[in-house]
Amino acid sequence: FQAEDGIRDVERSRGLGDVYKRQFLHHVVTLRSDLGIPHTVVELGVDPDAGQRIAAAAAVDPSAATNPVPCTPEFAARVFDAACEGHLDGLR
């Protein structure tokens, strides 16, 4: 996206409407498909049974403090499960 599309910086972009978010997601999914990147982390070789261990590590990772959404072990586990299944539902 260009600035004229409404995204001027990271802080301001978080308030964009659903149209921009859907467009951005569409572009990411299309690029991933064009590059041959699998749709799920399981297809990348990640063990789906490692969710609790990965979620616990993600919650205490130093970069978690910069996330706009608090990264609790429970939230990280939901993100991991969604990545294993290939969907974004219920991640708010």
PDB file of N, CA and C in Angstrom:
ATOM      1  N   PHE A   1       0.821  -1.196   0.000  1.00  0.00           N
ATOM      2  CA  PHE A   1       0.000   0.000   0.000  1.00  0.00           C
ATOM      3  C   PHE A   1       0.855   1.246   0.000  1.00  0.00           C
ATOM      4  N   GLN A   2       0.375   2.261  -0.625  1.00  0.00           N
ATOM      5  CA  GLN A   2       1.028   3.556  -0.632  1.00  0.00           C
ATOM      6  C   GLN A   2       0.351   4.447   0.401  1.00  0.00           C
ATOM      7  N   ALA A   3       1.008   5.552   0.750  1.00  0.00           N
ATOM      8  CA  ALA A   3       0.458   6.475   1.737  1.00  0.00           C
ATOM      9  C   ALA A   3      -0.927   6.956   1.333  1.00  0.00           C
ATOM     10  N   GLU A   4      -1.153   7.146   0.035  1.00  0.00           N
ATOM     11  CA  GLU A   4      -2.461   7.633  -0.393  1.00  0.00           C
ATOM     12  C   GLU A   4      -3.564   6.604  -0.180  1.00  0.00           C
ATOM     13  N   ASP A   5      -3.193   5.352   0.076  1.00  0.00           N
ATOM     14  CA  ASP A   5      -4.183   4.331   0.388  1.00  0.00           C
ATOM     15  C   ASP A   5      -4.652   4.424   1.830  1.00  0.00           C
ATOM     16  N   GLY A   6      -4.017   5.282   2.634  1.00  0.00           N
ATOM     17  CA  GLY A   6      -4.460   5.463   4.008  1.00  0.00           C
ATOM     18  C   GLY A   6      -3.479   4.988   5.050  1.00  0.00           C
ATOM     19  N   ILE A   7      -2.416   4.289   4.658  1.00  0.00           N
ATOM     20  CA  ILE A   7      -1.441   3.826   5.638  1.00  0.00           C
ATOM     21  C   ILE A   7      -0.262   4.794   5.605  1.00  0.00           C
ATOM     22  N   ARG A   8      -0.097   5.550   6.666  1.00  0.00           N
ATOM     23  CA  ARG A   8       0.983   6.527   6.725  1.00  0.00           C
ATOM     24  C   ARG A   8       2.089   6.073   7.663  1.00  0.00           C
ATOM     25  N   ASP A   9       1.752   5.388   8.732  1.00  0.00           N
ATOM     26  CA  ASP A   9       2.750   4.828   9.637  1.00  0.00           C
ATOM     27  C   ASP A   9       2.093   3.724  10.446  1.00  0.00           C
ATOM     28  N   VAL A  10       2.904   2.971  11.153  1.00  0.00           N
ATOM     29  CA  VAL A  10       2.406   1.796  11.872  1.00  0.00           C
ATOM     30  C   VAL A  10       1.342   2.172  12.897  1.00  0.00           C
ATOM     31  N   GLU A  11       1.589   3.203  13.676  1.00  0.00           N
ATOM     32  CA  GLU A  11       0.637   3.583  14.723  1.00  0.00           C
ATOM     33  C   GLU A  11      -0.718   3.941  14.132  1.00  0.00           C
ATOM     34  N   ARG A  12      -0.718   4.713  13.077  1.00  0.00           N
ATOM     35  CA  ARG A  12      -1.972   5.148  12.483  1.00  0.00           C
ATOM     36  C   ARG A  12      -2.652   4.017  11.720  1.00  0.00           C
ATOM     37  N   SER A  13      -1.891   3.079  11.188  1.00  0.00           N
ATOM     38  CA  SER A  13      -2.479   2.021  10.371  1.00  0.00           C
ATOM     39  C   SER A  13      -3.324   1.056  11.183  1.00  0.00           C
ATOM     40  N   ARG A  14      -3.069   0.963  12.499  1.00  0.00           N
ATOM     41  CA  ARG A  14      -3.857   0.034  13.320  1.00  0.00           C
ATOM     42  C   ARG A  14      -5.311   0.445  13.387  1.00  0.00           C
ATOM     43  N   GLY A  15      -5.634   1.697  13.110  1.00  0.00           N
ATOM     44  CA  GLY A  15      -7.008   2.155  13.172  1.00  0.00           C
ATOM     45  C   GLY A  15      -7.731   2.082  11.847  1.00  0.00           C
ATOM     46  N   LEU A  16      -7.117   1.487  10.840  1.00  0.00           N
ATOM     47  CA  LEU A  16      -7.762   1.415   9.538  1.00  0.00           C
ATOM     48  C   LEU A  16      -8.999   0.544   9.593  1.00  0.00           C
ATOM     49  N   GLY A  17      -9.915   0.842   8.704  1.00  0.00           N
ATOM     50  CA  GLY A  17     -11.142   0.064   8.632  1.00  0.00           C
ATOM     51  C   GLY A  17     -10.911  -1.328   8.095  1.00  0.00           C
ATOM     52  N   ASP A  18     -11.959  -2.123   8.162  1.00  0.00           N
ATOM     53  CA  ASP A  18     -11.883  -3.512   7.727  1.00  0.00           C
ATOM     54  C   ASP A  18     -11.563  -3.657   6.242  1.00  0.00           C
ATOM     55  N   VAL A  19     -11.940  -2.670   5.423  1.00  0.00           N
ATOM     56  CA  VAL A  19     -11.655  -2.763   3.996  1.00  0.00           C
ATOM     57  C   VAL A  19     -10.154  -2.818   3.762  1.00  0.00           C
ATOM     58  N   TYR A  20      -9.407  -1.932   4.400  1.00  0.00           N
ATOM     59  CA  TYR A  20      -7.960  -1.931   4.227  1.00  0.00           C
ATOM     60  C   TYR A  20      -7.343  -3.213   4.771  1.00  0.00           C
ATOM     61  N   LYS A  21      -7.838  -3.676   5.894  1.00  0.00           N
ATOM     62  CA  LYS A  21      -7.302  -4.907   6.478  1.00  0.00           C
ATOM     63  C   LYS A  21      -7.562  -6.096   5.556  1.00  0.00           C
ATOM     64  N   ARG A  22      -8.752  -6.167   4.992  1.00  0.00           N
ATOM     65  CA  ARG A  22      -9.063  -7.267   4.067  1.00  0.00           C
ATOM     66  C   ARG A  22      -8.198  -7.182   2.815  1.00  0.00           C
ATOM     67  N   GLN A  23      -7.995  -5.965   2.296  1.00  0.00           N
ATOM     68  CA  GLN A  23      -7.146  -5.800   1.119  1.00  0.00           C
ATOM     69  C   GLN A  23      -5.719  -6.230   1.423  1.00  0.00           C
ATOM     70  N   PHE A  24      -5.209  -5.817   2.563  1.00  0.00           N
ATOM     71  CA  PHE A  24      -3.850  -6.182   2.945  1.00  0.00           C
ATOM     72  C   PHE A  24      -3.723  -7.701   3.088  1.00  0.00           C
ATOM     73  N   LEU A  25      -4.675  -8.314   3.779  1.00  0.00           N
ATOM     74  CA  LEU A  25      -4.647  -9.768   3.956  1.00  0.00           C
ATOM     75  C   LEU A  25      -4.720 -10.472   2.609  1.00  0.00           C
ATOM     76  N   HIS A  26      -5.557  -9.980   1.728  1.00  0.00           N
ATOM     77  CA  HIS A  26      -5.669 -10.569   0.387  1.00  0.00           C
ATOM     78  C   HIS A  26      -4.316 -10.522  -0.330  1.00  0.00           C
ATOM     79  N   HIS A  27      -3.643  -9.390  -0.236  1.00  0.00           N
ATOM     80  CA  HIS A  27      -2.331  -9.265  -0.885  1.00  0.00           C
ATOM     81  C   HIS A  27      -1.314 -10.230  -0.276  1.00  0.00           C
ATOM     82  N   VAL A  28      -1.332 -10.382   1.042  1.00  0.00           N
ATOM     83  CA  VAL A  28      -0.398 -11.296   1.701  1.00  0.00           C
ATOM     84  C   VAL A  28      -0.675 -12.738   1.277  1.00  0.00           C
ATOM     85  N   VAL A  29      -1.942 -13.132   1.275  1.00  0.00           N
ATOM     86  CA  VAL A  29      -2.302 -14.502   0.894  1.00  0.00           C
ATOM     87  C   VAL A  29      -1.946 -14.757  -0.568  1.00  0.00           C
ATOM     88  N   THR A  30      -2.182 -13.776  -1.436  1.00  0.00           N
ATOM     89  CA  THR A  30      -1.835 -13.918  -2.850  1.00  0.00           C
ATOM     90  C   THR A  30      -0.325 -14.047  -3.031  1.00  0.00           C
ATOM     91  N   LEU A  31       0.433 -13.206  -2.351  1.00  0.00           N
ATOM     92  CA  LEU A  31       1.894 -13.280  -2.439  1.00  0.00           C
ATOM     93  C   LEU A  31       2.391 -14.626  -1.939  1.00  0.00           C
ATOM     94  N   ARG A  32       1.840 -15.087  -0.821  1.00  0.00           N
ATOM     95  CA  ARG A  32       2.239 -16.384  -0.282  1.00  0.00           C
ATOM     96  C   ARG A  32       1.962 -17.489  -1.292  1.00  0.00           C
ATOM     97  N   SER A  33       0.819 -17.437  -1.928  1.00  0.00           N
ATOM     98  CA  SER A  33       0.471 -18.438  -2.932  1.00  0.00           C
ATOM     99  C   SER A  33       1.412 -18.350  -4.141  1.00  0.00           C
ATOM    100  N   ASP A  34       1.664 -17.117  -4.599  1.00  0.00           N
ATOM    101  CA  ASP A  34       2.558 -16.927  -5.746  1.00  0.00           C
ATOM    102  C   ASP A  34       3.958 -17.458  -5.472  1.00  0.00           C
ATOM    103  N   LEU A  35       4.406 -17.364  -4.222  1.00  0.00           N
ATOM    104  CA  LEU A  35       5.743 -17.825  -3.851  1.00  0.00           C
ATOM    105  C   LEU A  35       5.782 -19.301  -3.470  1.00  0.00           C
ATOM    106  N   GLY A  36       4.609 -19.938  -3.421  1.00  0.00           N
ATOM    107  CA  GLY A  36       4.548 -21.351  -3.073  1.00  0.00           C
ATOM    108  C   GLY A  36       4.724 -21.630  -1.586  1.00  0.00           C
ATOM    109  N   ILE A  37       4.388 -20.651  -0.757  1.00  0.00           N
ATOM    110  CA  ILE A  37       4.501 -20.827   0.696  1.00  0.00           C
ATOM    111  C   ILE A  37       3.242 -21.533   1.191  1.00  0.00           C
ATOM    112  N   PRO A  38       3.371 -22.619   1.936  1.00  0.00           N
ATOM    113  CA  PRO A  38       2.198 -23.355   2.420  1.00  0.00           C
ATOM    114  C   PRO A  38       1.254 -22.498   3.255  1.00  0.00           C
ATOM    115  N   HIS A  39       0.022 -22.960   3.336  1.00  0.00           N
ATOM    116  CA  HIS A  39      -1.034 -22.227   4.020  1.00  0.00           C
ATOM    117  C   HIS A  39      -0.997 -22.394   5.539  1.00  0.00           C
ATOM    118  N   THR A  40      -0.413 -23.459   6.026  1.00  0.00           N
ATOM    119  CA  THR A  40      -0.363 -23.705   7.471  1.00  0.00           C
ATOM    120  C   THR A  40       1.070 -23.965   7.921  1.00  0.00           C
ATOM    121  N   VAL A  41       1.320 -23.757   9.209  1.00  0.00           N
ATOM    122  CA  VAL A  41       2.665 -24.051   9.736  1.00  0.00           C
ATOM    123  C   VAL A  41       2.910 -25.557   9.776  1.00  0.00           C
ATOM    124  N   VAL A  42       1.860 -26.340   9.840  1.00  0.00           N
ATOM    125  CA  VAL A  42       2.012 -27.803   9.813  1.00  0.00           C
ATOM    126  C   VAL A  42       2.611 -28.223   8.474  1.00  0.00           C
ATOM    127  N   GLU A  43       2.148 -27.575   7.397  1.00  0.00           N
ATOM    128  CA  GLU A  43       2.685 -27.877   6.067  1.00  0.00           C
ATOM    129  C   GLU A  43       4.151 -27.452   5.940  1.00  0.00           C
ATOM    130  N   LEU A  44       4.595 -26.566   6.829  1.00  0.00           N
ATOM    131  CA  LEU A  44       5.998 -26.154   6.862  1.00  0.00           C
ATOM    132  C   LEU A  44       6.851 -27.088   7.703  1.00  0.00           C
ATOM    133  N   GLY A  45       6.196 -28.061   8.386  1.00  0.00           N
ATOM    134  CA  GLY A  45       6.928 -29.026   9.181  1.00  0.00           C
ATOM    135  C   GLY A  45       6.886 -28.786  10.683  1.00  0.00           C
ATOM    136  N   VAL A  46       6.067 -27.826  11.129  1.00  0.00           N
ATOM    137  CA  VAL A  46       5.945 -27.559  12.562  1.00  0.00           C
ATOM    138  C   VAL A  46       5.049 -28.628  13.197  1.00  0.00           C
ATOM    139  N   ASP A  47       5.484 -29.164  14.322  1.00  0.00           N
ATOM    140  CA  ASP A  47       4.729 -30.192  15.034  1.00  0.00           C
ATOM    141  C   ASP A  47       3.512 -29.565  15.716  1.00  0.00           C
ATOM    142  N   PRO A  48       2.297 -29.941  15.329  1.00  0.00           N
ATOM    143  CA  PRO A  48       1.107 -29.349  15.943  1.00  0.00           C
ATOM    144  C   PRO A  48       0.970 -29.672  17.433  1.00  0.00           C
ATOM    145  N   ASP A  49       1.670 -30.695  17.907  1.00  0.00           N
ATOM    146  CA  ASP A  49       1.618 -31.039  19.332  1.00  0.00           C
ATOM    147  C   ASP A  49       2.553 -30.182  20.178  1.00  0.00           C
ATOM    148  N   ALA A  50       3.318 -29.321  19.546  1.00  0.00           N
ATOM    149  CA  ALA A  50       4.266 -28.467  20.270  1.00  0.00           C
ATOM    150  C   ALA A  50       3.645 -27.133  20.685  1.00  0.00           C
ATOM    151  N   GLY A  51       2.348 -26.998  20.514  1.00  0.00           N
ATOM    152  CA  GLY A  51       1.668 -25.730  20.753  1.00  0.00           C
ATOM    153  C   GLY A  51       1.867 -25.137  22.129  1.00  0.00           C
ATOM    154  N   GLN A  52       1.704 -25.918  23.169  1.00  0.00           N
ATOM    155  CA  GLN A  52       1.832 -25.380  24.520  1.00  0.00           C
ATOM    156  C   GLN A  52       3.255 -24.905  24.799  1.00  0.00           C
ATOM    157  N   ARG A  53       4.231 -25.665  24.339  1.00  0.00           N
ATOM    158  CA  ARG A  53       5.629 -25.293  24.541  1.00  0.00           C
ATOM    159  C   ARG A  53       5.974 -24.015  23.768  1.00  0.00           C
ATOM    160  N   ILE A  54       5.518 -23.940  22.526  1.00  0.00           N
ATOM    161  CA  ILE A  54       5.785 -22.758  21.709  1.00  0.00           C
ATOM    162  C   ILE A  54       5.049 -21.539  22.263  1.00  0.00           C
ATOM    163  N   ALA A  55       3.806 -21.722  22.698  1.00  0.00           N
ATOM    164  CA  ALA A  55       3.025 -20.611  23.252  1.00  0.00           C
ATOM    165  C   ALA A  55       3.654 -20.075  24.530  1.00  0.00           C
ATOM    166  N   ALA A  56       4.128 -20.969  25.383  1.00  0.00           N
ATOM    167  CA  ALA A  56       4.777 -20.527  26.628  1.00  0.00           C
ATOM    168  C   ALA A  56       6.036 -19.726  26.323  1.00  0.00           C
ATOM    169  N   ALA A  57       6.811 -20.177  25.348  1.00  0.00           N
ATOM    170  CA  ALA A  57       8.037 -19.466  24.977  1.00  0.00           C
ATOM    171  C   ALA A  57       7.705 -18.116  24.331  1.00  0.00           C
ATOM    172  N   ALA A  58       6.668 -18.086  23.509  1.00  0.00           N
ATOM    173  CA  ALA A  58       6.279 -16.832  22.841  1.00  0.00           C
ATOM    174  C   ALA A  58       5.849 -15.777  23.851  1.00  0.00           C
ATOM    175  N   ALA A  59       5.155 -16.194  24.893  1.00  0.00           N
ATOM    176  CA  ALA A  59       4.648 -15.244  25.890  1.00  0.00           C
ATOM    177  C   ALA A  59       5.759 -14.570  26.682  1.00  0.00           C
ATOM    178  N   VAL A  60       6.889 -15.232  26.831  1.00  0.00           N
ATOM    179  CA  VAL A  60       7.999 -14.642  27.604  1.00  0.00           C
ATOM    180  C   VAL A  60       9.127 -14.125  26.705  1.00  0.00           C
ATOM    181  N   ASP A  61       8.955 -14.234  25.410  1.00  0.00           N
ATOM    182  CA  ASP A  61       9.962 -13.716  24.483  1.00  0.00           C
ATOM    183  C   ASP A  61      10.039 -12.195  24.640  1.00  0.00           C
ATOM    184  N   PRO A  62      11.241 -11.620  24.645  1.00  0.00           N
ATOM    185  CA  PRO A  62      11.373 -10.167  24.816  1.00  0.00           C
ATOM    186  C   PRO A  62      10.581  -9.345  23.797  1.00  0.00           C
ATOM    187  N   SER A  63      10.403  -9.857  22.594  1.00  0.00           N
ATOM    188  CA  SER A  63       9.664  -9.099  21.580  1.00  0.00           C
ATOM    189  C   SER A  63       8.163  -9.055  21.865  1.00  0.00           C
ATOM    190  N   ALA A  64       7.671  -9.905  22.751  1.00  0.00           N
ATOM    191  CA  ALA A  64       6.237  -9.917  23.073  1.00  0.00           C
ATOM    192  C   ALA A  64       5.784  -8.583  23.656  1.00  0.00           C
ATOM    193  N   ALA A  65       6.686  -7.883  24.317  1.00  0.00           N
ATOM    194  CA  ALA A  65       6.322  -6.603  24.934  1.00  0.00           C
ATOM    195  C   ALA A  65       5.953  -5.549  23.905  1.00  0.00           C
ATOM    196  N   THR A  66       6.374  -5.719  22.659  1.00  0.00           N
ATOM    197  CA  THR A  66       6.076  -4.720  21.630  1.00  0.00           C
ATOM    198  C   THR A  66       4.811  -5.034  20.842  1.00  0.00           C
ATOM    199  N   ASN A  67       4.170  -6.155  21.133  1.00  0.00           N
ATOM    200  CA  ASN A  67       2.944  -6.517  20.428  1.00  0.00           C
ATOM    201  C   ASN A  67       1.808  -5.572  20.806  1.00  0.00           C
ATOM    202  N   PRO A  68       0.969  -5.189  19.853  1.00  0.00           N
ATOM    203  CA  PRO A  68      -0.174  -4.341  20.184  1.00  0.00           C
ATOM    204  C   PRO A  68      -1.237  -5.086  20.996  1.00  0.00           C
ATOM    205  N   VAL A  69      -1.201  -6.417  20.967  1.00  0.00           N
ATOM    206  CA  VAL A  69      -2.115  -7.249  21.750  1.00  0.00           C
ATOM    207  C   VAL A  69      -1.282  -7.981  22.796  1.00  0.00           C
ATOM    208  N   PRO A  70      -1.687  -7.939  24.071  1.00  0.00           N
ATOM    209  CA  PRO A  70      -0.908  -8.661  25.092  1.00  0.00           C
ATOM    210  C   PRO A  70      -0.736 -10.134  24.719  1.00  0.00           C
ATOM    211  N   CYS A  71       0.480 -10.619  24.842  1.00  0.00           N
ATOM    212  CA  CYS A  71       0.792 -11.992  24.443  1.00  0.00           C
ATOM    213  C   CYS A  71       0.842 -12.892  25.667  1.00  0.00           C
ATOM    214  N   THR A  72      -0.318 -13.354  26.075  1.00  0.00           N
ATOM    215  CA  THR A  72      -0.385 -14.322  27.176  1.00  0.00           C
ATOM    216  C   THR A  72      -0.157 -15.713  26.597  1.00  0.00           C
ATOM    217  N   PRO A  73       0.181 -16.685  27.434  1.00  0.00           N
ATOM    218  CA  PRO A  73       0.315 -18.050  26.913  1.00  0.00           C
ATOM    219  C   PRO A  73      -0.975 -18.537  26.247  1.00  0.00           C
ATOM    220  N   GLU A  74      -2.118 -18.142  26.789  1.00  0.00           N
ATOM    221  CA  GLU A  74      -3.404 -18.572  26.223  1.00  0.00           C
ATOM    222  C   GLU A  74      -3.614 -17.979  24.829  1.00  0.00           C
ATOM    223  N   PHE A  75      -3.314 -16.675  24.704  1.00  0.00           N
ATOM    224  CA  PHE A  75      -3.468 -16.034  23.396  1.00  0.00           C
ATOM    225  C   PHE A  75      -2.478 -16.631  22.399  1.00  0.00           C
ATOM    226  N   ALA A  76      -1.243 -16.821  22.814  1.00  0.00           N
ATOM    227  CA  ALA A  76      -0.233 -17.397  21.923  1.00  0.00           C
ATOM    228  C   ALA A  76      -0.643 -18.802  21.477  1.00  0.00           C
ATOM    229  N   ALA A  77      -1.273 -19.566  22.365  1.00  0.00           N
ATOM    230  CA  ALA A  77      -1.743 -20.909  22.005  1.00  0.00           C
ATOM    231  C   ALA A  77      -2.850 -20.821  20.956  1.00  0.00           C
ATOM    232  N   ARG A  78      -3.736 -19.837  21.082  1.00  0.00           N
ATOM    233  CA  ARG A  78      -4.807 -19.643  20.084  1.00  0.00           C
ATOM    234  C   ARG A  78      -4.207 -19.265  18.727  1.00  0.00           C
ATOM    235  N   VAL A  79      -3.187 -18.397  18.736  1.00  0.00           N
ATOM    236  CA  VAL A  79      -2.530 -18.008  17.486  1.00  0.00           C
ATOM    237  C   VAL A  79      -1.852 -19.230  16.858  1.00  0.00           C
ATOM    238  N   PHE A  80      -1.177 -20.024  17.683  1.00  0.00           N
ATOM    239  CA  PHE A  80      -0.510 -21.229  17.177  1.00  0.00           C
ATOM    240  C   PHE A  80      -1.531 -22.191  16.564  1.00  0.00           C
ATOM    241  N   ASP A  81      -2.634 -22.432  17.282  1.00  0.00           N
ATOM    242  CA  ASP A  81      -3.665 -23.339  16.754  1.00  0.00           C
ATOM    243  C   ASP A  81      -4.219 -22.825  15.428  1.00  0.00           C
ATOM    244  N   ALA A  82      -4.447 -21.513  15.342  1.00  0.00           N
ATOM    245  CA  ALA A  82      -4.952 -20.929  14.095  1.00  0.00           C
ATOM    246  C   ALA A  82      -3.934 -21.100  12.972  1.00  0.00           C
ATOM    247  N   ALA A  83      -2.654 -20.940  13.288  1.00  0.00           N
ATOM    248  CA  ALA A  83      -1.604 -21.114  12.277  1.00  0.00           C
ATOM    249  C   ALA A  83      -1.524 -22.571  11.814  1.00  0.00           C
ATOM    250  N   CYS A  84      -1.784 -23.490  12.728  1.00  0.00           N
ATOM    251  CA  CYS A  84      -1.794 -24.916  12.360  1.00  0.00           C
ATOM    252  C   CYS A  84      -2.978 -25.247  11.463  1.00  0.00           C
ATOM    253  N   GLU A  85      -4.100 -24.573  11.697  1.00  0.00           N
ATOM    254  CA  GLU A  85      -5.323 -24.848  10.947  1.00  0.00           C
ATOM    255  C   GLU A  85      -5.482 -23.940   9.726  1.00  0.00           C
ATOM    256  N   GLY A  86      -4.720 -22.852   9.672  1.00  0.00           N
ATOM    257  CA  GLY A  86      -4.772 -21.963   8.523  1.00  0.00           C
ATOM    258  C   GLY A  86      -5.946 -21.000   8.515  1.00  0.00           C
ATOM    259  N   HIS A  87      -6.271 -20.439   9.688  1.00  0.00           N
ATOM    260  CA  HIS A  87      -7.360 -19.448   9.727  1.00  0.00           C
ATOM    261  C   HIS A  87      -7.010 -18.340  10.708  1.00  0.00           C
ATOM    262  N   LEU A  88      -7.774 -17.250  10.636  1.00  0.00           N
ATOM    263  CA  LEU A  88      -7.564 -16.102  11.520  1.00  0.00           C
ATOM    264  C   LEU A  88      -8.750 -15.863  12.445  1.00  0.00           C
ATOM    265  N   ASP A  89      -9.745 -16.703  12.392  1.00  0.00           N
ATOM    266  CA  ASP A  89     -10.948 -16.510  13.189  1.00  0.00           C
ATOM    267  C   ASP A  89     -10.651 -16.507  14.681  1.00  0.00           C
ATOM    268  N   GLY A  90     -11.308 -15.603  15.406  1.00  0.00           N
ATOM    269  CA  GLY A  90     -11.228 -15.595  16.861  1.00  0.00           C
ATOM    270  C   GLY A  90      -9.916 -15.153  17.449  1.00  0.00           C
ATOM    271  N   LEU A  91      -9.126 -14.393  16.716  1.00  0.00           N
ATOM    272  CA  LEU A  91      -7.829 -13.981  17.256  1.00  0.00           C
ATOM    273  C   LEU A  91      -7.844 -12.581  17.851  1.00  0.00           C
ATOM    274  N   ARG A  92      -8.960 -11.996  18.013  1.00  0.00           N
ATOM    275  CA  ARG A  92      -9.041 -10.668  18.633  1.00  0.00           C
ATOM    276  C   ARG A  92      -9.209 -10.783  20.106  1.00  0.00           C
TER     277      ARG A  92
END
